[in-house]
Every structure is written in structure tokens, then in C-alpha cells.
Amino acid sequence: MYCLDGIRYDSSRRVAFVGDTIVTLSATENTILTYLLDHPNTVMSRKALLKLIWNDTYDYPTRVIDIHISHLRKKLNLKNELVTVYKEGYMLRL
């Protein structure tokens, strides 16, 4: 269980609580969020996130990660914490 600014997150159940509201995450959102929580303040490139999620079998445009990051920001209200690092990737700022 992770806790972050009013958010409780259970990666094993793929569910987050924002206040008293339950937020269900997709498998991909779960993987991204868990990795970023395990590596706070560390920039992850889109390519590295693609490899993390789909191993070496990915054949997706790197922008697919942007969509999942956007969903996480909206679902968990992480607009200030889940930051885009220009020309590098994404970082969970704690």
C-alpha cells in the first residue's frame, strides 16, 4: 500500500482511493504508477516505460504512454506530482 497526498494505492488490487472514492486502474496504469512510486524523483523515458510494460515486443508509438499518463493524472488528481520532463520523459515528484 502506497500513500501520497490523500491517495492510498494498493498495487496488488489495482485500486486507489482518492479520499473516500475508489478509483480502478487498468493493468498498464497500474504498472506505470507502481514503477514511478518505486522510483520517485527519477525520470523515466517513454521508451523505457514501453519496454517495462510490453518488454521487447512493443510496437506502439511512444505517444501511447502519454495517454496512460494523462489518465493517471486525471483519475488520481496528480497534475502537480506526475510531471513531464521536457524531451526526457516522466517523473513522480514527491
PDB file of N, CA and C in Angstrom:
ATOM      1  N   MET A   1       0.853  -1.172   0.000  1.00  0.00           N
ATOM      2  CA  MET A   1       0.000   0.000   0.000  1.00  0.00           C
ATOM      3  C   MET A   1       0.899   1.235   0.000  1.00  0.00           C
ATOM      4  N   TYR A   2       0.629   2.129  -0.921  1.00  0.00           N
ATOM      5  CA  TYR A   2       1.340   3.398  -1.008  1.00  0.00           C
ATOM      6  C   TYR A   2       0.396   4.511  -0.571  1.00  0.00           C
ATOM      7  N   CYS A   3       0.961   5.552   0.007  1.00  0.00           N
ATOM      8  CA  CYS A   3       0.175   6.732   0.377  1.00  0.00           C
ATOM      9  C   CYS A   3       0.858   7.970  -0.175  1.00  0.00           C
ATOM     10  N   LEU A   4       0.064   8.837  -0.794  1.00  0.00           N
ATOM     11  CA  LEU A   4       0.611  10.045  -1.420  1.00  0.00           C
ATOM     12  C   LEU A   4      -0.455  11.126  -1.432  1.00  0.00           C
ATOM     13  N   ASP A   5      -0.265  12.175  -0.668  1.00  0.00           N
ATOM     14  CA  ASP A   5      -1.162  13.341  -0.674  1.00  0.00           C
ATOM     15  C   ASP A   5      -2.655  12.988  -0.757  1.00  0.00           C
ATOM     16  N   GLY A   6      -3.146  12.241   0.205  1.00  0.00           N
ATOM     17  CA  GLY A   6      -4.571  11.910   0.231  1.00  0.00           C
ATOM     18  C   GLY A   6      -4.961  10.762  -0.683  1.00  0.00           C
ATOM     19  N   ILE A   7      -3.968  10.137  -1.314  1.00  0.00           N
ATOM     20  CA  ILE A   7      -4.222   8.994  -2.188  1.00  0.00           C
ATOM     21  C   ILE A   7      -3.613   7.762  -1.530  1.00  0.00           C
ATOM     22  N   ARG A   8      -4.416   6.719  -1.423  1.00  0.00           N
ATOM     23  CA  ARG A   8      -3.914   5.416  -0.983  1.00  0.00           C
ATOM     24  C   ARG A   8      -3.985   4.506  -2.197  1.00  0.00           C
ATOM     25  N   TYR A   9      -2.937   3.758  -2.408  1.00  0.00           N
ATOM     26  CA  TYR A   9      -2.864   2.940  -3.621  1.00  0.00           C
ATOM     27  C   TYR A   9      -2.431   1.525  -3.273  1.00  0.00           C
ATOM     28  N   ASP A  10      -3.242   0.557  -3.693  1.00  0.00           N
ATOM     29  CA  ASP A  10      -2.950  -0.863  -3.480  1.00  0.00           C
ATOM     30  C   ASP A  10      -2.637  -1.473  -4.842  1.00  0.00           C
ATOM     31  N   SER A  11      -1.349  -1.677  -5.113  1.00  0.00           N
ATOM     32  CA  SER A  11      -0.944  -2.170  -6.436  1.00  0.00           C
ATOM     33  C   SER A  11      -1.389  -3.605  -6.685  1.00  0.00           C
ATOM     34  N   SER A  12      -1.487  -4.412  -5.642  1.00  0.00           N
ATOM     35  CA  SER A  12      -1.898  -5.802  -5.841  1.00  0.00           C
ATOM     36  C   SER A  12      -3.358  -5.917  -6.279  1.00  0.00           C
ATOM     37  N   ARG A  13      -4.195  -4.982  -5.835  1.00  0.00           N
ATOM     38  CA  ARG A  13      -5.609  -4.988  -6.223  1.00  0.00           C
ATOM     39  C   ARG A  13      -5.909  -4.032  -7.369  1.00  0.00           C
ATOM     40  N   ARG A  14      -4.897  -3.260  -7.802  1.00  0.00           N
ATOM     41  CA  ARG A  14      -5.052  -2.265  -8.872  1.00  0.00           C
ATOM     42  C   ARG A  14      -6.171  -1.277  -8.565  1.00  0.00           C
ATOM     43  N   VAL A  15      -6.171  -0.809  -7.325  1.00  0.00           N
ATOM     44  CA  VAL A  15      -7.199   0.137  -6.914  1.00  0.00           C
ATOM     45  C   VAL A  15      -6.560   1.244  -6.080  1.00  0.00           C
ATOM     46  N   ALA A  16      -7.077   2.436  -6.267  1.00  0.00           N
ATOM     47  CA  ALA A  16      -6.619   3.584  -5.499  1.00  0.00           C
ATOM     48  C   ALA A  16      -7.825   4.210  -4.806  1.00  0.00           C
ATOM     49  N   PHE A  17      -7.552   4.872  -3.727  1.00  0.00           N
ATOM     50  CA  PHE A  17      -8.581   5.609  -3.001  1.00  0.00           C
ATOM     51  C   PHE A  17      -8.157   7.066  -2.995  1.00  0.00           C
ATOM     52  N   VAL A  18      -8.966   7.903  -3.591  1.00  0.00           N
ATOM     53  CA  VAL A  18      -8.742   9.346  -3.552  1.00  0.00           C
ATOM     54  C   VAL A  18      -9.776   9.870  -2.567  1.00  0.00           C
ATOM     55  N   GLY A  19      -9.312  10.156  -1.362  1.00  0.00           N
ATOM     56  CA  GLY A  19     -10.256  10.435  -0.286  1.00  0.00           C
ATOM     57  C   GLY A  19     -11.019   9.148   0.007  1.00  0.00           C
ATOM     58  N   ASP A  20     -12.331   9.204  -0.114  1.00  0.00           N
ATOM     59  CA  ASP A  20     -13.163   8.008   0.096  1.00  0.00           C
ATOM     60  C   ASP A  20     -13.627   7.386  -1.216  1.00  0.00           C
ATOM     61  N   THR A  21     -13.185   7.934  -2.336  1.00  0.00           N
ATOM     62  CA  THR A  21     -13.609   7.456  -3.644  1.00  0.00           C
ATOM     63  C   THR A  21     -12.659   6.378  -4.152  1.00  0.00           C
ATOM     64  N   ILE A  22     -13.231   5.263  -4.600  1.00  0.00           N
ATOM     65  CA  ILE A  22     -12.434   4.171  -5.171  1.00  0.00           C
ATOM     66  C   ILE A  22     -12.190   4.455  -6.648  1.00  0.00           C
ATOM     67  N   VAL A  23     -10.937   4.324  -7.061  1.00  0.00           N
ATOM     68  CA  VAL A  23     -10.560   4.531  -8.460  1.00  0.00           C
ATOM     69  C   VAL A  23      -9.880   3.255  -8.944  1.00  0.00           C
ATOM     70  N   THR A  24     -10.444   2.632  -9.962  1.00  0.00           N
ATOM     71  CA  THR A  24      -9.864   1.419 -10.528  1.00  0.00           C
ATOM     72  C   THR A  24      -8.910   1.791 -11.650  1.00  0.00           C
ATOM     73  N   LEU A  25      -7.754   1.139 -11.664  1.00  0.00           N
ATOM     74  CA  LEU A  25      -6.742   1.411 -12.688  1.00  0.00           C
ATOM     75  C   LEU A  25      -6.618   0.234 -13.640  1.00  0.00           C
ATOM     76  N   SER A  26      -6.279   0.538 -14.889  1.00  0.00           N
ATOM     77  CA  SER A  26      -6.012  -0.525 -15.866  1.00  0.00           C
ATOM     78  C   SER A  26      -4.683  -1.192 -15.513  1.00  0.00           C
ATOM     79  N   ALA A  27      -4.427  -2.322 -16.105  1.00  0.00           N
ATOM     80  CA  ALA A  27      -3.161  -3.037 -15.864  1.00  0.00           C
ATOM     81  C   ALA A  27      -1.969  -2.160 -16.237  1.00  0.00           C
ATOM     82  N   THR A  28      -2.075  -1.443 -17.348  1.00  0.00           N
ATOM     83  CA  THR A  28      -0.982  -0.581 -17.791  1.00  0.00           C
ATOM     84  C   THR A  28      -0.791   0.590 -16.836  1.00  0.00           C
ATOM     85  N   GLU A  29      -1.883   1.214 -16.424  1.00  0.00           N
ATOM     86  CA  GLU A  29      -1.789   2.319 -15.465  1.00  0.00           C
ATOM     87  C   GLU A  29      -1.174   1.821 -14.157  1.00  0.00           C
ATOM     88  N   ASN A  30      -1.572   0.635 -13.737  1.00  0.00           N
ATOM     89  CA  ASN A  30      -1.032   0.025 -12.527  1.00  0.00           C
ATOM     90  C   ASN A  30       0.477  -0.153 -12.637  1.00  0.00           C
ATOM     91  N   THR A  31       0.938  -0.688 -13.746  1.00  0.00           N
ATOM     92  CA  THR A  31       2.369  -0.924 -13.949  1.00  0.00           C
ATOM     93  C   THR A  31       3.154   0.382 -13.917  1.00  0.00           C
ATOM     94  N   ILE A  32       2.659   1.379 -14.630  1.00  0.00           N
ATOM     95  CA  ILE A  32       3.343   2.677 -14.678  1.00  0.00           C
ATOM     96  C   ILE A  32       3.390   3.305 -13.293  1.00  0.00           C
ATOM     97  N   LEU A  33       2.244   3.361 -12.617  1.00  0.00           N
ATOM     98  CA  LEU A  33       2.182   4.010 -11.312  1.00  0.00           C
ATOM     99  C   LEU A  33       3.056   3.284 -10.292  1.00  0.00           C
ATOM    100  N   THR A  34       3.005   1.978 -10.265  1.00  0.00           N
ATOM    101  CA  THR A  34       3.818   1.212  -9.322  1.00  0.00           C
ATOM    102  C   THR A  34       5.303   1.486  -9.555  1.00  0.00           C
ATOM    103  N   TYR A  35       5.715   1.490 -10.811  1.00  0.00           N
ATOM    104  CA  TYR A  35       7.128   1.746 -11.114  1.00  0.00           C
ATOM    105  C   TYR A  35       7.526   3.154 -10.664  1.00  0.00           C
ATOM    106  N   LEU A  36       6.705   4.137 -10.981  1.00  0.00           N
ATOM    107  CA  LEU A  36       7.041   5.510 -10.616  1.00  0.00           C
ATOM    108  C   LEU A  36       7.041   5.701  -9.096  1.00  0.00           C
ATOM    109  N   LEU A  37       6.140   5.026  -8.390  1.00  0.00           N
ATOM    110  CA  LEU A  37       6.139   5.099  -6.926  1.00  0.00           C
ATOM    111  C   LEU A  37       7.367   4.421  -6.333  1.00  0.00           C
ATOM    112  N   ASP A  38       7.832   3.358  -6.965  1.00  0.00           N
ATOM    113  CA  ASP A  38       9.035   2.660  -6.500  1.00  0.00           C
ATOM    114  C   ASP A  38      10.308   3.445  -6.820  1.00  0.00           C
ATOM    115  N   HIS A  39      10.221   4.380  -7.776  1.00  0.00           N
ATOM    116  CA  HIS A  39      11.382   5.177  -8.202  1.00  0.00           C
ATOM    117  C   HIS A  39      11.022   6.668  -8.217  1.00  0.00           C
ATOM    118  N   PRO A  40      10.682   7.229  -7.061  1.00  0.00           N
ATOM    119  CA  PRO A  40      10.274   8.635  -7.031  1.00  0.00           C
ATOM    120  C   PRO A  40      11.423   9.556  -7.434  1.00  0.00           C
ATOM    121  N   ASN A  41      11.047  10.674  -8.022  1.00  0.00           N
ATOM    122  CA  ASN A  41      12.003  11.710  -8.418  1.00  0.00           C
ATOM    123  C   ASN A  41      13.039  11.215  -9.429  1.00  0.00           C
ATOM    124  N   THR A  42      12.682  10.172 -10.156  1.00  0.00           N
ATOM    125  CA  THR A  42      13.548   9.622 -11.195  1.00  0.00           C
ATOM    126  C   THR A  42      12.824   9.731 -12.523  1.00  0.00           C
ATOM    127  N   VAL A  43      13.491  10.304 -13.510  1.00  0.00           N
ATOM    128  CA  VAL A  43      12.879  10.472 -14.828  1.00  0.00           C
ATOM    129  C   VAL A  43      12.902   9.140 -15.572  1.00  0.00           C
ATOM    130  N   MET A  44      11.734   8.777 -16.123  1.00  0.00           N
ATOM    131  CA  MET A  44      11.624   7.571 -16.967  1.00  0.00           C
ATOM    132  C   MET A  44      11.239   8.015 -18.367  1.00  0.00           C
ATOM    133  N   SER A  45      11.991   7.576 -19.345  1.00  0.00           N
ATOM    134  CA  SER A  45      11.676   7.932 -20.728  1.00  0.00           C
ATOM    135  C   SER A  45      10.456   7.146 -21.205  1.00  0.00           C
ATOM    136  N   ARG A  46       9.833   7.648 -22.251  1.00  0.00           N
ATOM    137  CA  ARG A  46       8.690   6.933 -22.840  1.00  0.00           C
ATOM    138  C   ARG A  46       9.126   5.545 -23.287  1.00  0.00           C
ATOM    139  N   LYS A  47      10.297   5.473 -23.915  1.00  0.00           N
ATOM    140  CA  LYS A  47      10.789   4.191 -24.415  1.00  0.00           C
ATOM    141  C   LYS A  47      11.020   3.197 -23.279  1.00  0.00           C
ATOM    142  N   ALA A  48      11.565   3.674 -22.179  1.00  0.00           N
ATOM    143  CA  ALA A  48      11.797   2.791 -21.030  1.00  0.00           C
ATOM    144  C   ALA A  48      10.479   2.293 -20.458  1.00  0.00           C
ATOM    145  N   LEU A  49       9.464   3.171 -20.406  1.00  0.00           N
ATOM    146  CA  LEU A  49       8.148   2.749 -19.922  1.00  0.00           C
ATOM    147  C   LEU A  49       7.508   1.742 -20.869  1.00  0.00           C
ATOM    148  N   LEU A  50       7.655   1.948 -22.166  1.00  0.00           N
ATOM    149  CA  LEU A  50       7.135   0.977 -23.134  1.00  0.00           C
ATOM    150  C   LEU A  50       7.774  -0.389 -22.926  1.00  0.00           C
ATOM    151  N   LYS A  51       9.082  -0.394 -22.732  1.00  0.00           N
ATOM    152  CA  LYS A  51       9.794  -1.656 -22.537  1.00  0.00           C
ATOM    153  C   LYS A  51       9.367  -2.325 -21.229  1.00  0.00           C
ATOM    154  N   LEU A  52       9.156  -1.521 -20.199  1.00  0.00           N
ATOM    155  CA  LEU A  52       8.701  -2.041 -18.912  1.00  0.00           C
ATOM    156  C   LEU A  52       7.348  -2.738 -19.045  1.00  0.00           C
ATOM    157  N   ILE A  53       6.450  -2.145 -19.809  1.00  0.00           N
ATOM    158  CA  ILE A  53       5.091  -2.660 -19.935  1.00  0.00           C
ATOM    159  C   ILE A  53       5.001  -3.826 -20.906  1.00  0.00           C
ATOM    160  N   TRP A  54       5.614  -3.678 -22.077  1.00  0.00           N
ATOM    161  CA  TRP A  54       5.473  -4.692 -23.126  1.00  0.00           C
ATOM    162  C   TRP A  54       6.758  -5.443 -23.441  1.00  0.00           C
ATOM    163  N   ASN A  55       7.756  -5.345 -22.579  1.00  0.00           N
ATOM    164  CA  ASN A  55       9.051  -5.994 -22.781  1.00  0.00           C
ATOM    165  C   ASN A  55       9.645  -5.573 -24.114  1.00  0.00           C
ATOM    166  N   ASP A  56      10.212  -6.494 -24.844  1.00  0.00           N
ATOM    167  CA  ASP A  56      10.805  -6.143 -26.138  1.00  0.00           C
ATOM    168  C   ASP A  56       9.826  -6.339 -27.288  1.00  0.00           C
ATOM    169  N   THR A  57       8.588  -6.657 -26.964  1.00  0.00           N
ATOM    170  CA  THR A  57       7.616  -6.955 -28.017  1.00  0.00           C
ATOM    171  C   THR A  57       6.775  -5.749 -28.403  1.00  0.00           C
ATOM    172  N   TYR A  58       7.088  -4.577 -27.851  1.00  0.00           N
ATOM    173  CA  TYR A  58       6.248  -3.426 -28.145  1.00  0.00           C
ATOM    174  C   TYR A  58       6.471  -2.935 -29.562  1.00  0.00           C
ATOM    175  N   ASP A  59       5.395  -2.579 -30.163  1.00  0.00           N
ATOM    176  CA  ASP A  59       5.427  -1.960 -31.482  1.00  0.00           C
ATOM    177  C   ASP A  59       4.375  -0.858 -31.492  1.00  0.00           C
ATOM    178  N   TYR A  60       4.452  -0.015 -30.484  1.00  0.00           N
ATOM    179  CA  TYR A  60       3.478   1.046 -30.292  1.00  0.00           C
ATOM    180  C   TYR A  60       4.189   2.388 -30.449  1.00  0.00           C
ATOM    181  N   PRO A  61       3.462   3.383 -30.898  1.00  0.00           N
ATOM    182  CA  PRO A  61       4.067   4.716 -30.892  1.00  0.00           C
ATOM    183  C   PRO A  61       4.306   5.144 -29.442  1.00  0.00           C
ATOM    184  N   THR A  62       5.379   5.889 -29.200  1.00  0.00           N
ATOM    185  CA  THR A  62       5.697   6.273 -27.822  1.00  0.00           C
ATOM    186  C   THR A  62       4.624   7.151 -27.215  1.00  0.00           C
ATOM    187  N   ARG A  63       3.767   7.744 -28.028  1.00  0.00           N
ATOM    188  CA  ARG A  63       2.699   8.601 -27.512  1.00  0.00           C
ATOM    189  C   ARG A  63       1.629   7.819 -26.755  1.00  0.00           C
ATOM    190  N   VAL A  64       1.608   6.510 -26.882  1.00  0.00           N
ATOM    191  CA  VAL A  64       0.631   5.713 -26.137  1.00  0.00           C
ATOM    192  C   VAL A  64       0.879   5.880 -24.629  1.00  0.00           C
ATOM    193  N   ILE A  65       2.121   6.080 -24.249  1.00  0.00           N
ATOM    194  CA  ILE A  65       2.450   6.321 -22.838  1.00  0.00           C
ATOM    195  C   ILE A  65       1.824   7.632 -22.372  1.00  0.00           C
ATOM    196  N   ASP A  66       1.846   8.650 -23.237  1.00  0.00           N
ATOM    197  CA  ASP A  66       1.261   9.949 -22.883  1.00  0.00           C
ATOM    198  C   ASP A  66      -0.210   9.802 -22.493  1.00  0.00           C
ATOM    199  N   ILE A  67      -0.908   8.944 -23.191  1.00  0.00           N
ATOM    200  CA  ILE A  67      -2.330   8.726 -22.915  1.00  0.00           C
ATOM    201  C   ILE A  67      -2.508   8.104 -21.529  1.00  0.00           C
ATOM    202  N   HIS A  68      -1.701   7.106 -21.213  1.00  0.00           N
ATOM    203  CA  HIS A  68      -1.808   6.461 -19.899  1.00  0.00           C
ATOM    204  C   HIS A  68      -1.422   7.425 -18.779  1.00  0.00           C
ATOM    205  N   ILE A  69      -0.409   8.237 -18.999  1.00  0.00           N
ATOM    206  CA  ILE A  69      -0.010   9.242 -18.007  1.00  0.00           C
ATOM    207  C   ILE A  69      -1.151  10.232 -17.799  1.00  0.00           C
ATOM    208  N   SER A  70      -1.777  10.656 -18.885  1.00  0.00           N
ATOM    209  CA  SER A  70      -2.904  11.586 -18.805  1.00  0.00           C
ATOM    210  C   SER A  70      -4.047  10.984 -17.982  1.00  0.00           C
ATOM    211  N   HIS A  71      -4.329   9.706 -18.211  1.00  0.00           N
ATOM    212  CA  HIS A  71      -5.384   9.028 -17.448  1.00  0.00           C
ATOM    213  C   HIS A  71      -5.044   8.993 -15.959  1.00  0.00           C
ATOM    214  N   LEU A  72      -3.784   8.693 -15.640  1.00  0.00           N
ATOM    215  CA  LEU A  72      -3.371   8.666 -14.235  1.00  0.00           C
ATOM    216  C   LEU A  72      -3.510  10.036 -13.589  1.00  0.00           C
ATOM    217  N   ARG A  73      -3.110  11.064 -14.303  1.00  0.00           N
ATOM    218  CA  ARG A  73      -3.234  12.423 -13.758  1.00  0.00           C
ATOM    219  C   ARG A  73      -4.683  12.767 -13.452  1.00  0.00           C
ATOM    220  N   LYS A  74      -5.562  12.428 -14.372  1.00  0.00           N
ATOM    221  CA  LYS A  74      -6.983  12.753 -14.190  1.00  0.00           C
ATOM    222  C   LYS A  74      -7.621  11.904 -13.097  1.00  0.00           C
ATOM    223  N   LYS A  75      -7.397  10.596 -13.155  1.00  0.00           N
ATOM    224  CA  LYS A  75      -8.036   9.693 -12.195  1.00  0.00           C
ATOM    225  C   LYS A  75      -7.595   9.964 -10.755  1.00  0.00           C
ATOM    226  N   LEU A  76      -6.300  10.288 -10.578  1.00  0.00           N
ATOM    227  CA  LEU A  76      -5.747  10.414  -9.236  1.00  0.00           C
ATOM    228  C   LEU A  76      -5.427  11.852  -8.846  1.00  0.00           C
ATOM    229  N   ASN A  77      -5.779  12.786  -9.709  1.00  0.00           N
ATOM    230  CA  ASN A  77      -5.522  14.204  -9.445  1.00  0.00           C
ATOM    231  C   ASN A  77      -4.040  14.445  -9.131  1.00  0.00           C
ATOM    232  N   LEU A  78      -3.179  13.965 -10.017  1.00  0.00           N
ATOM    233  CA  LEU A  78      -1.727  14.081  -9.847  1.00  0.00           C
ATOM    234  C   LEU A  78      -1.128  15.101 -10.811  1.00  0.00           C
ATOM    235  N   LYS A  79      -1.847  16.168 -11.070  1.00  0.00           N
ATOM    236  CA  LYS A  79      -1.393  17.155 -12.049  1.00  0.00           C
ATOM    237  C   LYS A  79      -0.052  17.783 -11.687  1.00  0.00           C
ATOM    238  N   ASN A  80       0.200  18.004 -10.401  1.00  0.00           N
ATOM    239  CA  ASN A  80       1.449  18.633  -9.979  1.00  0.00           C
ATOM    240  C   ASN A  80       2.540  17.624  -9.635  1.00  0.00           C
ATOM    241  N   GLU A  81       2.155  16.411  -9.305  1.00  0.00           N
ATOM    242  CA  GLU A  81       3.128  15.410  -8.872  1.00  0.00           C
ATOM    243  C   GLU A  81       3.678  14.575 -10.028  1.00  0.00           C
ATOM    244  N   LEU A  82       2.833  14.254 -10.985  1.00  0.00           N
ATOM    245  CA  LEU A  82       3.247  13.438 -12.129  1.00  0.00           C
ATOM    246  C   LEU A  82       3.621  14.395 -13.259  1.00  0.00           C
ATOM    247  N   VAL A  83       4.913  14.682 -13.364  1.00  0.00           N
ATOM    248  CA  VAL A  83       5.369  15.757 -14.233  1.00  0.00           C
ATOM    249  C   VAL A  83       6.021  15.235 -15.507  1.00  0.00           C
ATOM    250  N   THR A  84       5.891  16.035 -16.547  1.00  0.00           N
ATOM    251  CA  THR A  84       6.576  15.783 -17.809  1.00  0.00           C
ATOM    252  C   THR A  84       7.909  16.508 -17.756  1.00  0.00           C
ATOM    253  N   VAL A  85       8.976  15.792 -18.026  1.00  0.00           N
ATOM    254  CA  VAL A  85      10.300  16.393 -18.106  1.00  0.00           C
ATOM    255  C   VAL A  85      10.615  16.526 -19.592  1.00  0.00           C
ATOM    256  N   TYR A  86      10.649  17.758 -20.049  1.00  0.00           N
ATOM    257  CA  TYR A  86      10.768  18.060 -21.475  1.00  0.00           C
ATOM    258  C   TYR A  86      11.896  17.277 -22.129  1.00  0.00           C
ATOM    259  N   LYS A  87      11.549  16.576 -23.208  1.00  0.00           N
ATOM    260  CA  LYS A  87      12.453  15.786 -24.042  1.00  0.00           C
ATOM    261  C   LYS A  87      13.130  14.625 -23.289  1.00  0.00           C
ATOM    262  N   GLU A  88      12.612  14.294 -22.102  1.00  0.00           N
ATOM    263  CA  GLU A  88      13.199  13.183 -21.360  1.00  0.00           C
ATOM    264  C   GLU A  88      12.189  12.111 -20.994  1.00  0.00           C
ATOM    265  N   GLY A  89      11.053  12.504 -20.426  1.00  0.00           N
ATOM    266  CA  GLY A  89      10.067  11.510 -20.024  1.00  0.00           C
ATOM    267  C   GLY A  89       9.178  12.010 -18.913  1.00  0.00           C
ATOM    268  N   TYR A  90       8.917  11.132 -17.942  1.00  0.00           N
ATOM    269  CA  TYR A  90       8.008  11.439 -16.851  1.00  0.00           C
ATOM    270  C   TYR A  90       8.647  11.122 -15.519  1.00  0.00           C
ATOM    271  N   MET A  91       8.169  11.846 -14.490  1.00  0.00           N
ATOM    272  CA  MET A  91       8.701  11.656 -13.146  1.00  0.00           C
ATOM    273  C   MET A  91       7.579  11.896 -12.149  1.00  0.00           C
ATOM    274  N   LEU A  92       7.569  11.085 -11.104  1.00  0.00           N
ATOM    275  CA  LEU A  92       6.657  11.296  -9.993  1.00  0.00           C
ATOM    276  C   LEU A  92       7.422  12.082  -8.936  1.00  0.00           C
ATOM    277  N   ARG A  93       7.051  13.331  -8.782  1.00  0.00           N
ATOM    278  CA  ARG A  93       7.756  14.224  -7.857  1.00  0.00           C
ATOM    279  C   ARG A  93       7.133  14.092  -6.481  1.00  0.00           C
ATOM    280  N   LEU A  94       7.959  13.670  -5.532  1.00  0.00           N
ATOM    281  CA  LEU A  94       7.484  13.523  -4.142  1.00  0.00           C
ATOM    282  C   LEU A  94       8.233  14.465  -3.226  1.00  0.00           C
TER     283      LEU A  94
END
